[in-house]
């Protein structure tokens, strides 16, 4: 890859990561509700979920999923169900859930605080790992920057995927810091966490329904 192609790849990746979607919504919601650290943990979970698809695509699993309507459908319904599950939890959350979550993620070394971060990380991880559209995105986007003459294409694919995710992690951390900054300076935001949970929950359910209605590439 030439330096010009690498620069274009980095810029395109940053622009794509700046586009709001389920990942950004999840990070921002956690940062607003429980602070910058919770948002950054969410960003790490999202990135870890991307690694699943990068490694899978590098060994051809994503290509198989793109060619197999059955494989796509199975992962699609798993991802859709998980997004609806996350949205349902937010929609059904109680008024004091924001306070409890904030206390659980306030940076304490207590077991409860660590469990809170672990839950945030795992939910972010599964949100991405169970989304077949992420796998198909990598399969469609990354090969455009790999020259046909490259001898070790899986390795090139893997390196580009890791670079994309590394750059995306910093964009997501930026979203978390910006949301936490807003929460600290706008008391009305913190007092409206139940409303935020409802809106975020409805959006996650919507993302899940949209994913469920996505057609297989072979349809």
C-alpha atoms as a PDB file:
ATOM      1  CA  UNK A   1       0.000   0.000   0.000  1.00  0.00           C
ATOM      2  CA  UNK A   2       1.310   3.435  -0.925  1.00  0.00           C
ATOM      3  CA  UNK A   3       1.459   6.269   1.612  1.00  0.00           C
ATOM      4  CA  UNK A   4      -1.381   8.000  -0.256  1.00  0.00           C
ATOM      5  CA  UNK A   5      -3.577   4.908  -0.046  1.00  0.00           C
ATOM      6  CA  UNK A   6      -2.779   4.471   3.644  1.00  0.00           C
ATOM      7  CA  UNK A   7      -3.690   8.107   4.343  1.00  0.00           C
ATOM      8  CA  UNK A   8      -6.950   7.691   2.427  1.00  0.00           C
ATOM      9  CA  UNK A   9      -7.696   4.531   4.392  1.00  0.00           C
ATOM     10  CA  UNK A  10      -7.121   6.283   7.731  1.00  0.00           C
ATOM     11  CA  UNK A  11      -9.254   9.300   6.769  1.00  0.00           C
ATOM     12  CA  UNK A  12     -12.089   7.108   5.474  1.00  0.00           C
ATOM     13  CA  UNK A  13     -11.965   5.011   8.628  1.00  0.00           C
ATOM     14  CA  UNK A  14     -12.103   8.050  10.902  1.00  0.00           C
ATOM     15  CA  UNK A  15     -15.061   9.494   9.003  1.00  0.00           C
ATOM     16  CA  UNK A  16     -16.908   6.192   9.228  1.00  0.00           C
ATOM     17  CA  UNK A  17     -16.245   5.928  12.965  1.00  0.00           C
ATOM     18  CA  UNK A  18     -17.530   9.472  13.495  1.00  0.00           C
ATOM     19  CA  UNK A  19     -20.908   8.462  12.065  1.00  0.00           C
ATOM     20  CA  UNK A  20     -23.418   7.912  14.908  1.00  0.00           C
ATOM     21  CA  UNK A  21     -24.839   4.425  15.201  1.00  0.00           C
ATOM     22  CA  UNK A  22     -25.502   1.741  17.826  1.00  0.00           C
ATOM     23  CA  UNK A  23     -21.860   1.820  18.958  1.00  0.00           C
ATOM     24  CA  UNK A  24     -21.747   5.571  19.492  1.00  0.00           C
ATOM     25  CA  UNK A  25     -25.148   5.548  21.166  1.00  0.00           C
ATOM     26  CA  UNK A  26     -24.021   2.857  23.605  1.00  0.00           C
ATOM     27  CA  UNK A  27     -20.808   4.719  24.469  1.00  0.00           C
ATOM     28  CA  UNK A  28     -22.496   8.098  24.880  1.00  0.00           C
ATOM     29  CA  UNK A  29     -25.326   6.668  26.997  1.00  0.00           C
ATOM     30  CA  UNK A  30     -22.872   5.069  29.425  1.00  0.00           C
ATOM     31  CA  UNK A  31     -20.668   8.172  29.590  1.00  0.00           C
ATOM     32  CA  UNK A  32     -23.637  10.438  30.301  1.00  0.00           C
ATOM     33  CA  UNK A  33     -24.998   8.077  32.894  1.00  0.00           C
ATOM     34  CA  UNK A  34     -21.819   7.010  34.725  1.00  0.00           C
ATOM     35  CA  UNK A  35     -18.931   9.208  33.627  1.00  0.00           C
ATOM     36  CA  UNK A  36     -16.003   9.151  31.209  1.00  0.00           C
ATOM     37  CA  UNK A  37     -14.513   5.931  32.563  1.00  0.00           C
ATOM     38  CA  UNK A  38     -17.717   4.000  31.913  1.00  0.00           C
ATOM     39  CA  UNK A  39     -17.861   5.435  28.387  1.00  0.00           C
ATOM     40  CA  UNK A  40     -14.262   4.418  27.711  1.00  0.00           C
ATOM     41  CA  UNK A  41     -14.934   0.894  29.011  1.00  0.00           C
ATOM     42  CA  UNK A  42     -17.885   0.749  26.607  1.00  0.00           C
ATOM     43  CA  UNK A  43     -15.560   1.873  23.791  1.00  0.00           C
ATOM     44  CA  UNK A  44     -13.108  -0.903  24.667  1.00  0.00           C
ATOM     45  CA  UNK A  45     -15.930  -3.451  24.564  1.00  0.00           C
ATOM     46  CA  UNK A  46     -17.060  -2.202  21.169  1.00  0.00           C
ATOM     47  CA  UNK A  47     -13.494  -2.440  19.834  1.00  0.00           C
ATOM     48  CA  UNK A  48     -13.064  -5.946  21.230  1.00  0.00           C
ATOM     49  CA  UNK A  49     -16.222  -6.958  19.377  1.00  0.00           C
ATOM     50  CA  UNK A  50     -14.705  -5.624  16.147  1.00  0.00           C
ATOM     51  CA  UNK A  51     -11.663  -7.849  16.650  1.00  0.00           C
ATOM     52  CA  UNK A  52     -13.910 -10.903  16.393  1.00  0.00           C
ATOM     53  CA  UNK A  53     -14.985  -9.919  12.898  1.00  0.00           C
ATOM     54  CA  UNK A  54     -11.492  -8.858  11.831  1.00  0.00           C
ATOM     55  CA  UNK A  55      -9.945 -12.193  12.754  1.00  0.00           C
ATOM     56  CA  UNK A  56     -12.917 -14.093  11.334  1.00  0.00           C
ATOM     57  CA  UNK A  57     -12.761 -12.198   8.045  1.00  0.00           C
ATOM     58  CA  UNK A  58      -9.010 -12.724   7.829  1.00  0.00           C
ATOM     59  CA  UNK A  59      -9.512 -16.496   7.823  1.00  0.00           C
ATOM     60  CA  UNK A  60     -12.470 -16.406   5.461  1.00  0.00           C
ATOM     61  CA  UNK A  61     -15.423 -16.792   7.833  1.00  0.00           C
ATOM     62  CA  UNK A  62     -16.936 -13.510   6.735  1.00  0.00           C
ATOM     63  CA  UNK A  63     -16.590 -14.531   3.105  1.00  0.00           C
ATOM     64  CA  UNK A  64     -18.470 -17.713   3.938  1.00  0.00           C
ATOM     65  CA  UNK A  65     -21.184 -15.700   5.668  1.00  0.00           C
ATOM     66  CA  UNK A  66     -21.477 -13.405   2.656  1.00  0.00           C
ATOM     67  CA  UNK A  67     -21.912 -16.446   0.430  1.00  0.00           C
ATOM     68  CA  UNK A  68     -24.185 -18.407   2.785  1.00  0.00           C
ATOM     69  CA  UNK A  69     -27.669 -17.086   3.405  1.00  0.00           C
ATOM     70  CA  UNK A  70     -28.052 -19.507   6.326  1.00  0.00           C
ATOM     71  CA  UNK A  71     -24.908 -18.314   8.138  1.00  0.00           C
ATOM     72  CA  UNK A  72     -25.894 -14.697   7.619  1.00  0.00           C
ATOM     73  CA  UNK A  73     -29.429 -15.312   8.868  1.00  0.00           C
ATOM     74  CA  UNK A  74     -28.316 -17.100  12.047  1.00  0.00           C
ATOM     75  CA  UNK A  75     -25.905 -14.356  13.091  1.00  0.00           C
ATOM     76  CA  UNK A  76     -28.346 -11.666  11.977  1.00  0.00           C
ATOM     77  CA  UNK A  77     -31.091 -12.945  14.288  1.00  0.00           C
ATOM     78  CA  UNK A  78     -28.653 -13.374  17.181  1.00  0.00           C
ATOM     79  CA  UNK A  79     -27.482  -9.785  16.760  1.00  0.00           C
ATOM     80  CA  UNK A  80     -31.009  -8.438  16.365  1.00  0.00           C
ATOM     81  CA  UNK A  81     -32.187 -10.288  19.462  1.00  0.00           C
ATOM     82  CA  UNK A  82     -29.322  -8.917  21.508  1.00  0.00           C
ATOM     83  CA  UNK A  83     -29.933  -5.325  20.391  1.00  0.00           C
ATOM     84  CA  UNK A  84     -33.632  -5.657  21.269  1.00  0.00           C
ATOM     85  CA  UNK A  85     -32.625  -7.168  24.633  1.00  0.00           C
ATOM     86  CA  UNK A  86     -30.348  -4.200  25.426  1.00  0.00           C
ATOM     87  CA  UNK A  87     -33.065  -1.784  24.314  1.00  0.00           C
ATOM     88  CA  UNK A  88     -35.673  -3.571  26.419  1.00  0.00           C
ATOM     89  CA  UNK A  89     -33.502  -3.328  29.525  1.00  0.00           C
ATOM     90  CA  UNK A  90     -33.197   0.417  28.992  1.00  0.00           C
ATOM     91  CA  UNK A  91     -36.896   0.861  28.326  1.00  0.00           C
ATOM     92  CA  UNK A  92     -37.798  -1.040  31.496  1.00  0.00           C
ATOM     93  CA  UNK A  93     -35.139   0.550  33.715  1.00  0.00           C
ATOM     94  CA  UNK A  94     -36.305   2.186  36.934  1.00  0.00           C
ATOM     95  CA  UNK A  95     -35.917   5.816  37.832  1.00  0.00           C
ATOM     96  CA  UNK A  96     -33.021   5.145  40.180  1.00  0.00           C
ATOM     97  CA  UNK A  97     -31.092   2.940  37.742  1.00  0.00           C
ATOM     98  CA  UNK A  98     -28.860   5.792  36.653  1.00  0.00           C
ATOM     99  CA  UNK A  99     -27.851   6.535  40.226  1.00  0.00           C
ATOM    100  CA  UNK A 100     -27.108   2.875  40.927  1.00  0.00           C
ATOM    101  CA  UNK A 101     -25.079   2.482  37.754  1.00  0.00           C
ATOM    102  CA  UNK A 102     -23.119   5.634  38.457  1.00  0.00           C
ATOM    103  CA  UNK A 103     -22.278   4.370  41.929  1.00  0.00           C
ATOM    104  CA  UNK A 104     -21.206   1.031  40.511  1.00  0.00           C
ATOM    105  CA  UNK A 105     -18.846   2.687  38.046  1.00  0.00           C
ATOM    106  CA  UNK A 106     -17.438   5.561  40.074  1.00  0.00           C
ATOM    107  CA  UNK A 107     -13.923   4.150  39.969  1.00  0.00           C
ATOM    108  CA  UNK A 108     -14.156   2.262  43.231  1.00  0.00           C
ATOM    109  CA  UNK A 109     -12.042  -0.835  43.695  1.00  0.00           C
ATOM    110  CA  UNK A 110     -14.999  -2.583  45.291  1.00  0.00           C
ATOM    111  CA  UNK A 111     -16.229  -5.761  43.629  1.00  0.00           C
ATOM    112  CA  UNK A 112     -19.493  -4.073  42.734  1.00  0.00           C
ATOM    113  CA  UNK A 113     -17.678  -1.354  40.791  1.00  0.00           C
ATOM    114  CA  UNK A 114     -15.595  -3.890  38.890  1.00  0.00           C
ATOM    115  CA  UNK A 115     -18.712  -5.895  38.063  1.00  0.00           C
ATOM    116  CA  UNK A 116     -20.321  -2.729  36.722  1.00  0.00           C
ATOM    117  CA  UNK A 117     -17.426  -2.122  34.344  1.00  0.00           C
ATOM    118  CA  UNK A 118     -17.379  -5.761  33.318  1.00  0.00           C
ATOM    119  CA  UNK A 119     -21.084  -5.615  32.441  1.00  0.00           C
ATOM    120  CA  UNK A 120     -20.579  -2.464  30.356  1.00  0.00           C
ATOM    121  CA  UNK A 121     -17.619  -4.025  28.528  1.00  0.00           C
ATOM    122  CA  UNK A 122     -19.410  -7.296  27.773  1.00  0.00           C
ATOM    123  CA  UNK A 123     -22.559  -5.608  26.506  1.00  0.00           C
ATOM    124  CA  UNK A 124     -20.461  -3.471  24.172  1.00  0.00           C
ATOM    125  CA  UNK A 125     -18.565  -6.543  23.025  1.00  0.00           C
ATOM    126  CA  UNK A 126     -21.678  -8.575  22.213  1.00  0.00           C
ATOM    127  CA  UNK A 127     -23.380  -5.607  20.527  1.00  0.00           C
ATOM    128  CA  UNK A 128     -20.653  -5.722  17.869  1.00  0.00           C
ATOM    129  CA  UNK A 129     -19.689  -9.393  17.895  1.00  0.00           C
ATOM    130  CA  UNK A 130     -23.275 -10.484  17.115  1.00  0.00           C
ATOM    131  CA  UNK A 131     -23.825  -7.976  14.315  1.00  0.00           C
ATOM    132  CA  UNK A 132     -23.219  -9.555  10.873  1.00  0.00           C
ATOM    133  CA  UNK A 133     -23.306  -6.126   9.238  1.00  0.00           C
ATOM    134  CA  UNK A 134     -19.997  -5.362  10.973  1.00  0.00           C
ATOM    135  CA  UNK A 135     -18.428  -8.474   9.446  1.00  0.00           C
ATOM    136  CA  UNK A 136     -19.761  -7.640   5.991  1.00  0.00           C
ATOM    137  CA  UNK A 137     -18.524  -4.061   6.363  1.00  0.00           C
ATOM    138  CA  UNK A 138     -14.965  -5.239   6.936  1.00  0.00           C
ATOM    139  CA  UNK A 139     -15.282  -7.708   4.080  1.00  0.00           C
ATOM    140  CA  UNK A 140     -16.436  -4.946   1.709  1.00  0.00           C
ATOM    141  CA  UNK A 141     -14.290  -2.049   2.943  1.00  0.00           C
ATOM    142  CA  UNK A 142     -10.812  -3.439   3.656  1.00  0.00           C
ATOM    143  CA  UNK A 143     -10.115  -5.291   0.352  1.00  0.00           C
ATOM    144  CA  UNK A 144     -10.379  -1.982  -1.501  1.00  0.00           C
ATOM    145  CA  UNK A 145      -7.035  -1.011   0.041  1.00  0.00           C
ATOM    146  CA  UNK A 146      -5.231  -4.320  -0.579  1.00  0.00           C
ATOM    147  CA  UNK A 147      -3.409  -4.528  -3.887  1.00  0.00           C
ATOM    148  CA  UNK A 148      -4.081  -7.654  -5.980  1.00  0.00           C
ATOM    149  CA  UNK A 149      -0.338  -8.318  -6.041  1.00  0.00           C
ATOM    150  CA  UNK A 150      -0.064  -8.611  -2.248  1.00  0.00           C
ATOM    151  CA  UNK A 151       1.206 -12.086  -1.455  1.00  0.00           C
ATOM    152  CA  UNK A 152      -0.223 -12.524   2.049  1.00  0.00           C
ATOM    153  CA  UNK A 153      -3.705 -11.079   1.741  1.00  0.00           C
ATOM    154  CA  UNK A 154      -5.054 -12.463   5.068  1.00  0.00           C
ATOM    155  CA  UNK A 155      -2.168 -10.800   6.914  1.00  0.00           C
ATOM    156  CA  UNK A 156      -2.762  -7.516   5.071  1.00  0.00           C
ATOM    157  CA  UNK A 157      -6.462  -7.756   5.870  1.00  0.00           C
ATOM    158  CA  UNK A 158      -5.684  -8.381   9.536  1.00  0.00           C
ATOM    159  CA  UNK A 159      -3.260  -5.451   9.802  1.00  0.00           C
ATOM    160  CA  UNK A 160      -5.665  -3.029   8.118  1.00  0.00           C
ATOM    161  CA  UNK A 161      -8.498  -4.208  10.348  1.00  0.00           C
ATOM    162  CA  UNK A 162      -6.410  -3.673  13.460  1.00  0.00           C
ATOM    163  CA  UNK A 163      -5.415  -0.196  12.257  1.00  0.00           C
ATOM    164  CA  UNK A 164      -9.045   0.674  11.551  1.00  0.00           C
ATOM    165  CA  UNK A 165     -10.116  -0.494  15.006  1.00  0.00           C
ATOM    166  CA  UNK A 166      -7.216   1.272  16.725  1.00  0.00           C
ATOM    167  CA  UNK A 167      -8.152   4.581  15.092  1.00  0.00           C
ATOM    168  CA  UNK A 168     -11.823   3.951  15.806  1.00  0.00           C
ATOM    169  CA  UNK A 169     -11.072   3.347  19.482  1.00  0.00           C
ATOM    170  CA  UNK A 170      -9.727   6.880  19.872  1.00  0.00           C
ATOM    171  CA  UNK A 171     -12.766   8.315  18.099  1.00  0.00           C
ATOM    172  CA  UNK A 172     -15.016   6.375  20.467  1.00  0.00           C
ATOM    173  CA  UNK A 173     -13.032   7.521  23.496  1.00  0.00           C
ATOM    174  CA  UNK A 174     -13.529  11.062  22.195  1.00  0.00           C
ATOM    175  CA  UNK A 175     -17.285  10.461  22.141  1.00  0.00           C
ATOM    176  CA  UNK A 176     -17.104   9.213  25.743  1.00  0.00           C
ATOM    177  CA  UNK A 177     -15.089  12.209  26.956  1.00  0.00           C
ATOM    178  CA  UNK A 178     -17.362  14.673  25.161  1.00  0.00           C
ATOM    179  CA  UNK A 179     -20.488  13.088  26.633  1.00  0.00           C
ATOM    180  CA  UNK A 180     -18.995  13.027  30.139  1.00  0.00           C
ATOM    181  CA  UNK A 181     -17.957  16.683  29.796  1.00  0.00           C
ATOM    182  CA  UNK A 182     -21.506  17.585  28.809  1.00  0.00           C
ATOM    183  CA  UNK A 183     -22.960  15.638  31.737  1.00  0.00           C
ATOM    184  CA  UNK A 184     -20.724  17.435  34.238  1.00  0.00           C
ATOM    185  CA  UNK A 185     -21.796  20.834  32.959  1.00  0.00           C
ATOM    186  CA  UNK A 186     -25.482  20.220  32.414  1.00  0.00           C
ATOM    187  CA  UNK A 187     -27.282  19.147  35.559  1.00  0.00           C
ATOM    188  CA  UNK A 188     -30.484  18.756  33.596  1.00  0.00           C
ATOM    189  CA  UNK A 189     -28.828  15.948  31.643  1.00  0.00           C
ATOM    190  CA  UNK A 190     -28.097  14.008  34.802  1.00  0.00           C
ATOM    191  CA  UNK A 191     -31.621  14.631  36.092  1.00  0.00           C
ATOM    192  CA  UNK A 192     -33.085  13.274  32.882  1.00  0.00           C
ATOM    193  CA  UNK A 193     -31.347   9.895  32.805  1.00  0.00           C
ATOM    194  CA  UNK A 194     -34.640   8.009  32.852  1.00  0.00           C
ATOM    195  CA  UNK A 195     -35.709   9.922  29.752  1.00  0.00           C
ATOM    196  CA  UNK A 196     -32.336   9.160  28.157  1.00  0.00           C
ATOM    197  CA  UNK A 197     -32.746   5.465  28.958  1.00  0.00           C
ATOM    198  CA  UNK A 198     -36.147   5.468  27.274  1.00  0.00           C
ATOM    199  CA  UNK A 199     -34.861   7.189  24.117  1.00  0.00           C
ATOM    200  CA  UNK A 200     -31.724   5.043  23.946  1.00  0.00           C
ATOM    201  CA  UNK A 201     -33.786   1.905  24.561  1.00  0.00           C
ATOM    202  CA  UNK A 202     -36.209   2.755  21.771  1.00  0.00           C
ATOM    203  CA  UNK A 203     -33.305   3.417  19.413  1.00  0.00           C
ATOM    204  CA  UNK A 204     -31.621   0.107  20.274  1.00  0.00           C
ATOM    205  CA  UNK A 205     -34.883  -1.743  19.666  1.00  0.00           C
ATOM    206  CA  UNK A 206     -35.127   0.101  16.363  1.00  0.00           C
ATOM    207  CA  UNK A 207     -31.581  -0.878  15.421  1.00  0.00           C
ATOM    208  CA  UNK A 208     -32.433  -4.483  16.276  1.00  0.00           C
ATOM    209  CA  UNK A 209     -35.564  -4.459  14.120  1.00  0.00           C
ATOM    210  CA  UNK A 210     -33.629  -2.850  11.277  1.00  0.00           C
ATOM    211  CA  UNK A 211     -30.964  -5.535  11.547  1.00  0.00           C
ATOM    212  CA  UNK A 212     -33.602  -8.272  11.596  1.00  0.00           C
ATOM    213  CA  UNK A 213     -35.080  -6.905   8.368  1.00  0.00           C
ATOM    214  CA  UNK A 214     -31.686  -6.778   6.625  1.00  0.00           C
ATOM    215  CA  UNK A 215     -31.639  -9.023   3.585  1.00  0.00           C
ATOM    216  CA  UNK A 216     -28.914 -11.588   3.018  1.00  0.00           C
ATOM    217  CA  UNK A 217     -26.438 -10.620   0.252  1.00  0.00           C
ATOM    218  CA  UNK A 218     -27.684 -13.693  -1.587  1.00  0.00           C
ATOM    219  CA  UNK A 219     -31.375 -12.829  -1.276  1.00  0.00           C
END
